[in-house]
C-alpha atoms as a PDB file:
ATOM      1  CA  MET A   1      11.631   0.714 -16.801  1.00  0.00           C
ATOM      2  CA  PHE A   2      11.999  -2.415 -18.932  1.00  0.00           C
ATOM      3  CA  ALA A   3      11.633  -4.530 -15.795  1.00  0.00           C
ATOM      4  CA  LEU A   4       8.191  -2.966 -15.173  1.00  0.00           C
ATOM      5  CA  ALA A   5       7.176  -3.571 -18.906  1.00  0.00           C
ATOM      6  CA  ARG A   6       8.236  -7.163 -18.525  1.00  0.00           C
ATOM      7  CA  VAL A   7       6.360  -7.598 -15.356  1.00  0.00           C
ATOM      8  CA  SER A   8       3.192  -6.162 -16.980  1.00  0.00           C
ATOM      9  CA  LEU A   9       3.449  -8.593 -19.911  1.00  0.00           C
ATOM     10  CA  PHE A  10       4.294 -11.765 -17.821  1.00  0.00           C
ATOM     11  CA  ALA A  11       1.883 -11.026 -15.053  1.00  0.00           C
ATOM     12  CA  PHE A  12      -1.212 -10.293 -17.008  1.00  0.00           C
ATOM     13  CA  GLY A  13      -4.120 -10.519 -14.606  1.00  0.00           C
ATOM     14  CA  GLY A  14      -2.122 -10.594 -11.468  1.00  0.00           C
ATOM     15  CA  VAL A  15       0.734  -7.977 -11.423  1.00  0.00           C
ATOM     16  CA  LEU A  16       1.244  -7.843  -7.677  1.00  0.00           C
ATOM     17  CA  PRO A  17       3.143 -11.260  -7.226  1.00  0.00           C
ATOM     18  CA  TRP A  18       5.367 -10.418 -10.187  1.00  0.00           C
ATOM     19  CA  ALA A  19       6.006  -6.853  -9.140  1.00  0.00           C
ATOM     20  CA  ARG A  20       6.967  -8.000  -5.661  1.00  0.00           C
ATOM     21  CA  ARG A  21       9.230 -10.646  -7.091  1.00  0.00           C
ATOM     22  CA  MET A  22      11.033  -8.085  -9.325  1.00  0.00           C
ATOM     23  CA  LEU A  23      11.295  -5.227  -6.886  1.00  0.00           C
ATOM     24  CA  VAL A  24      12.230  -7.243  -3.764  1.00  0.00           C
ATOM     25  CA  GLU A  25      13.801 -10.531  -4.752  1.00  0.00           C
ATOM     26  CA  GLU A  26      15.332 -10.027  -8.247  1.00  0.00           C
ATOM     27  CA  LYS A  27      16.409  -6.404  -8.469  1.00  0.00           C
ATOM     28  CA  ARG A  28      16.512  -5.763  -4.704  1.00  0.00           C
ATOM     29  CA  TRP A  29      15.289  -2.197  -5.169  1.00  0.00           C
ATOM     30  CA  MET A  30      13.135  -2.503  -2.067  1.00  0.00           C
ATOM     31  CA  THR A  31      13.225  -4.615   1.124  1.00  0.00           C
ATOM     32  CA  ALA A  32      10.174  -6.730   1.797  1.00  0.00           C
ATOM     33  CA  ASP A  33       9.192  -4.431   4.619  1.00  0.00           C
ATOM     34  CA  GLU A  34       9.500  -1.344   2.342  1.00  0.00           C
ATOM     35  CA  PHE A  35       7.330  -3.118  -0.243  1.00  0.00           C
ATOM     36  CA  ASN A  36       4.597  -3.935   2.311  1.00  0.00           C
ATOM     37  CA  ARG A  37       4.559  -0.417   3.659  1.00  0.00           C
ATOM     38  CA  LEU A  38       4.440   1.219   0.271  1.00  0.00           C
ATOM     39  CA  PHE A  39       1.708  -1.176  -0.850  1.00  0.00           C
ATOM     40  CA  ALA A  40      -0.323  -0.470   2.352  1.00  0.00           C
ATOM     41  CA  VAL A  41      -0.030   3.310   1.639  1.00  0.00           C
ATOM     42  CA  CYS A  42      -1.085   2.828  -1.893  1.00  0.00           C
ATOM     43  CA  HIS A  43      -4.337   1.271  -0.883  1.00  0.00           C
ATOM     44  CA  PHE A  44      -5.459   4.686   0.436  1.00  0.00           C
ATOM     45  CA  ILE A  45      -4.742   6.393  -2.884  1.00  0.00           C
ATOM     46  CA  PRO A  46      -7.570   6.213  -5.388  1.00  0.00           C
ATOM     47  CA  GLY A  47      -6.894   3.979  -8.291  1.00  0.00           C
ATOM     48  CA  PRO A  48      -5.316   0.507  -8.894  1.00  0.00           C
ATOM     49  CA  ASN A  49      -2.961  -0.330  -6.001  1.00  0.00           C
ATOM     50  CA  VAL A  50      -0.109  -1.681  -8.070  1.00  0.00           C
ATOM     51  CA  VAL A  51      -0.274   1.245 -10.473  1.00  0.00           C
ATOM     52  CA  ASN A  52      -0.270   3.614  -7.542  1.00  0.00           C
ATOM     53  CA  MET A  53       2.752   1.840  -6.103  1.00  0.00           C
ATOM     54  CA  THR A  54       4.540   1.970  -9.467  1.00  0.00           C
ATOM     55  CA  ALA A  55       3.891   5.783  -9.637  1.00  0.00           C
ATOM     56  CA  VAL A  56       5.276   6.358  -6.168  1.00  0.00           C
ATOM     57  CA  PHE A  57       8.274   4.085  -6.854  1.00  0.00           C
ATOM     58  CA  GLY A  58       9.070   5.911 -10.043  1.00  0.00           C
ATOM     59  CA  LEU A  59       8.666   9.239  -8.213  1.00  0.00           C
ATOM     60  CA  ARG A  60      11.137   8.118  -5.573  1.00  0.00           C
ATOM     61  CA  LEU A  61      13.743   7.160  -8.337  1.00  0.00           C
ATOM     62  CA  HIS A  62      13.429   9.981 -10.884  1.00  0.00           C
ATOM     63  CA  GLY A  63      10.797  12.464  -9.827  1.00  0.00           C
ATOM     64  CA  VAL A  64       7.734  13.150 -11.963  1.00  0.00           C
ATOM     65  CA  VAL A  65       9.273  11.941 -15.165  1.00  0.00           C
ATOM     66  CA  GLY A  66      10.259   8.581 -13.395  1.00  0.00           C
ATOM     67  CA  SER A  67       6.672   8.263 -12.141  1.00  0.00           C
ATOM     68  CA  ILE A  68       5.134   8.793 -15.612  1.00  0.00           C
ATOM     69  CA  ALA A  69       7.610   6.418 -17.147  1.00  0.00           C
ATOM     70  CA  ALA A  70       7.039   3.732 -14.519  1.00  0.00           C
ATOM     71  CA  VAL A  71       3.226   3.872 -14.954  1.00  0.00           C
ATOM     72  CA  LEU A  72       3.498   3.777 -18.736  1.00  0.00           C
ATOM     73  CA  ALA A  73       5.882   0.888 -18.706  1.00  0.00           C
ATOM     74  CA  LEU A  74       3.466  -1.022 -16.320  1.00  0.00           C
ATOM     75  CA  THR A  75       0.251  -0.171 -18.187  1.00  0.00           C
ATOM     76  CA  ALA A  76       0.989   0.214 -21.939  1.00  0.00           C
ATOM     77  CA  PRO A  77       2.004  -3.282 -22.792  1.00  0.00           C
ATOM     78  CA  PRO A  78      -1.139  -4.951 -21.294  1.00  0.00           C
ATOM     79  CA  VAL A  79      -3.406  -2.249 -22.930  1.00  0.00           C
ATOM     80  CA  VAL A  80      -2.050  -3.104 -26.361  1.00  0.00           C
ATOM     81  CA  LEU A  81      -2.246  -6.867 -25.518  1.00  0.00           C
ATOM     82  CA  MET A  82      -5.736  -6.661 -24.271  1.00  0.00           C
ATOM     83  CA  ILE A  83      -6.927  -4.899 -27.449  1.00  0.00           C
ATOM     84  CA  ALA A  84      -5.448  -7.723 -29.495  1.00  0.00           C
ATOM     85  CA  VAL A  85      -6.946 -10.409 -27.128  1.00  0.00           C
ATOM     86  CA  GLY A  86     -10.322  -8.718 -27.247  1.00  0.00           C
ATOM     87  CA  MET A  87     -10.288  -8.848 -30.960  1.00  0.00           C
ATOM     88  CA  LEU A  88      -9.417 -12.538 -30.913  1.00  0.00           C
ATOM     89  CA  TYR A  89     -12.051 -13.295 -28.179  1.00  0.00           C
ATOM     90  CA  THR A  90     -14.760 -11.517 -30.268  1.00  0.00           C
ATOM     91  CA  ARG A  91     -14.008 -13.832 -33.156  1.00  0.00           C
ATOM     92  CA  TYR A  92     -13.265 -17.159 -31.298  1.00  0.00           C
ATOM     93  CA  GLY A  93     -14.653 -16.680 -27.734  1.00  0.00           C
ATOM     94  CA  ALA A  94     -17.648 -19.132 -28.197  1.00  0.00           C
ATOM     95  CA  SER A  95     -15.209 -21.971 -28.624  1.00  0.00           C
ATOM     96  CA  PRO A  96     -15.601 -24.554 -25.739  1.00  0.00           C
ATOM     97  CA  GLY A  97     -11.871 -24.840 -25.404  1.00  0.00           C
ATOM     98  CA  ILE A  98     -11.508 -21.173 -24.686  1.00  0.00           C
ATOM     99  CA  SER A  99     -13.828 -21.163 -21.585  1.00  0.00           C
ATOM    100  CA  GLY A 100     -12.074 -24.089 -20.047  1.00  0.00           C
ATOM    101  CA  GLY A 101      -8.756 -22.476 -20.575  1.00  0.00           C
ATOM    102  CA  LEU A 102     -10.006 -19.270 -18.901  1.00  0.00           C
ATOM    103  CA  ALA A 103     -11.265 -21.227 -15.883  1.00  0.00           C
ATOM    104  CA  GLY A 104      -7.863 -22.912 -15.469  1.00  0.00           C
ATOM    105  CA  LEU A 105      -6.133 -19.483 -15.786  1.00  0.00           C
ATOM    106  CA  ALA A 106      -8.401 -18.046 -13.067  1.00  0.00           C
ATOM    107  CA  ALA A 107      -7.399 -20.846 -10.708  1.00  0.00           C
ATOM    108  CA  GLY A 108      -3.719 -20.261 -11.418  1.00  0.00           C
ATOM    109  CA  VAL A 109      -4.045 -16.495 -10.742  1.00  0.00           C
ATOM    110  CA  ALA A 110      -5.910 -17.217  -7.456  1.00  0.00           C
ATOM    111  CA  GLY A 111      -3.042 -19.505  -6.292  1.00  0.00           C
ATOM    112  CA  LEU A 112      -0.447 -16.952  -7.234  1.00  0.00           C
ATOM    113  CA  MET A 113      -2.302 -14.267  -5.105  1.00  0.00           C
ATOM    114  CA  ILE A 114      -2.418 -16.596  -2.104  1.00  0.00           C
ATOM    115  CA  ALA A 115       1.268 -17.298  -2.421  1.00  0.00           C
ATOM    116  CA  THR A 116       2.028 -13.483  -2.630  1.00  0.00           C
ATOM    117  CA  ALA A 117      -0.072 -12.812   0.412  1.00  0.00           C
ATOM    118  CA  ALA A 118       1.920 -15.490   2.320  1.00  0.00           C
ATOM    119  CA  ARG A 119       5.213 -13.862   1.203  1.00  0.00           C
ATOM    120  CA  MET A 120       3.982 -10.373   2.187  1.00  0.00           C
ATOM    121  CA  ALA A 121       3.049 -11.659   5.689  1.00  0.00           C
ATOM    122  CA  GLU A 122       6.439 -13.237   6.229  1.00  0.00           C
ATOM    123  CA  PRO A 123       8.228 -10.021   7.314  1.00  0.00           C
ATOM    124  CA  LEU A 124       5.486  -9.431   9.887  1.00  0.00           C
ATOM    125  CA  VAL A 125       5.853 -12.855  11.419  1.00  0.00           C
ATOM    126  CA  LYS A 126       9.683 -12.766  11.365  1.00  0.00           C
ATOM    127  CA  LYS A 127       9.764  -9.357  13.059  1.00  0.00           C
ATOM    128  CA  ARG A 128       7.389 -10.156  15.880  1.00  0.00           C
ATOM    129  CA  ILE A 129       3.919 -11.354  16.347  1.00  0.00           C
ATOM    130  CA  GLY A 130       1.850  -8.303  17.227  1.00  0.00           C
ATOM    131  CA  PRO A 131      -1.736  -7.124  16.697  1.00  0.00           C
ATOM    132  CA  GLU A 132      -1.405  -7.129  12.832  1.00  0.00           C
ATOM    133  CA  PRO A 133      -2.350 -10.750  12.322  1.00  0.00           C
ATOM    134  CA  LEU A 134      -5.322 -10.443  14.765  1.00  0.00           C
ATOM    135  CA  VAL A 135      -6.581  -7.368  13.013  1.00  0.00           C
ATOM    136  CA  ALA A 136      -6.113  -8.912   9.461  1.00  0.00           C
ATOM    137  CA  VAL A 137      -8.080 -12.009  10.610  1.00  0.00           C
ATOM    138  CA  ALA A 138     -10.851  -9.928  12.132  1.00  0.00           C
ATOM    139  CA  VAL A 139     -11.225  -7.846   8.940  1.00  0.00           C
ATOM    140  CA  PHE A 140     -11.178 -10.893   6.825  1.00  0.00           C
ATOM    141  CA  ILE A 141     -13.934 -12.510   8.970  1.00  0.00           C
ATOM    142  CA  ALA A 142     -16.009  -9.208   8.958  1.00  0.00           C
ATOM    143  CA  ILE A 143     -15.761  -8.595   5.251  1.00  0.00           C
ATOM    144  CA  GLY A 144     -15.243 -12.133   3.665  1.00  0.00           C
ATOM    145  CA  ILE A 145     -17.393 -14.252   5.866  1.00  0.00           C
ATOM    146  CA  LEU A 146     -19.935 -11.964   7.625  1.00  0.00           C
ATOM    147  CA  ARG A 147     -20.261  -9.778   4.511  1.00  0.00           C
ATOM    148  CA  LEU A 148     -20.227  -6.575   6.457  1.00  0.00           C
ATOM    149  CA  PRO A 149     -19.741  -3.282   4.403  1.00  0.00           C
ATOM    150  CA  LEU A 150     -16.100  -2.522   3.697  1.00  0.00           C
ATOM    151  CA  LEU A 151     -16.154   1.242   4.758  1.00  0.00           C
ATOM    152  CA  PRO A 152     -17.492   0.729   8.264  1.00  0.00           C
ATOM    153  CA  VAL A 153     -15.252  -2.153   8.896  1.00  0.00           C
ATOM    154  CA  LEU A 154     -12.203  -0.169   7.872  1.00  0.00           C
ATOM    155  CA  ALA A 155     -13.347   2.812   9.735  1.00  0.00           C
ATOM    156  CA  ILE A 156     -13.261   0.690  12.959  1.00  0.00           C
ATOM    157  CA  ALA A 157     -10.216  -1.550  12.015  1.00  0.00           C
ATOM    158  CA  ALA A 158      -7.869   1.311  10.971  1.00  0.00           C
ATOM    159  CA  PRO A 159      -7.790   3.344  14.102  1.00  0.00           C
ATOM    160  CA  LEU A 160      -8.016   0.065  16.290  1.00  0.00           C
ATOM    161  CA  SER A 161      -4.907  -1.415  14.517  1.00  0.00           C
ATOM    162  CA  ILE A 162      -2.969   1.884  14.917  1.00  0.00           C
ATOM    163  CA  ALA A 163      -3.924   1.975  18.700  1.00  0.00           C
ATOM    164  CA  LEU A 164      -2.966  -1.665  19.135  1.00  0.00           C
ATOM    165  CA  ALA A 165       0.413  -1.170  17.385  1.00  0.00           C
ATOM    166  CA  LEU A 166       1.288   1.831  19.507  1.00  0.00           C
ATOM    167  CA  TRP A 167       0.218  -0.001  22.673  1.00  0.00           C
ATOM    168  CA  VAL A 168       2.372  -3.057  21.846  1.00  0.00           C
ATOM    169  CA  ARG A 169       5.479  -0.876  21.010  1.00  0.00           C
ATOM    170  CA  ARG A 170       5.429   0.617  24.540  1.00  0.00           C
END
């Protein structure tokens, strides 16, 4: 659980890339494919995806106690840190250097998320090119570019992607 606490402290504002690196690359507790599947399932559970994934991962290892310990290890350090940062921001937030630093930090987090998305797509590309990239691009265009509502797009994309995957496997 110390690994999860370390992830939460170093990955403040973008836990997914660090969690993937720790679980898949460093500790090798999961394969890249297992990580992607678990992360996909956790999108359907209400709440933050990485916290949901941590809870399920802890449950796999040590049952309910492991789940609680994993979630606390992931969430407690940033909560304490955020309270301290909030107190500092209240006092010094109007400083011009602070706003510039936060803008730079946001750009770094965006780059980290793009790199993680590319790493998560790698097992799909290595395995075989199927309908998954097409569905992902279609959903991105529908939601990100055309600004269509999320729920109707997913209501169409989810059964369509399942049907396409089943059709391709035949």
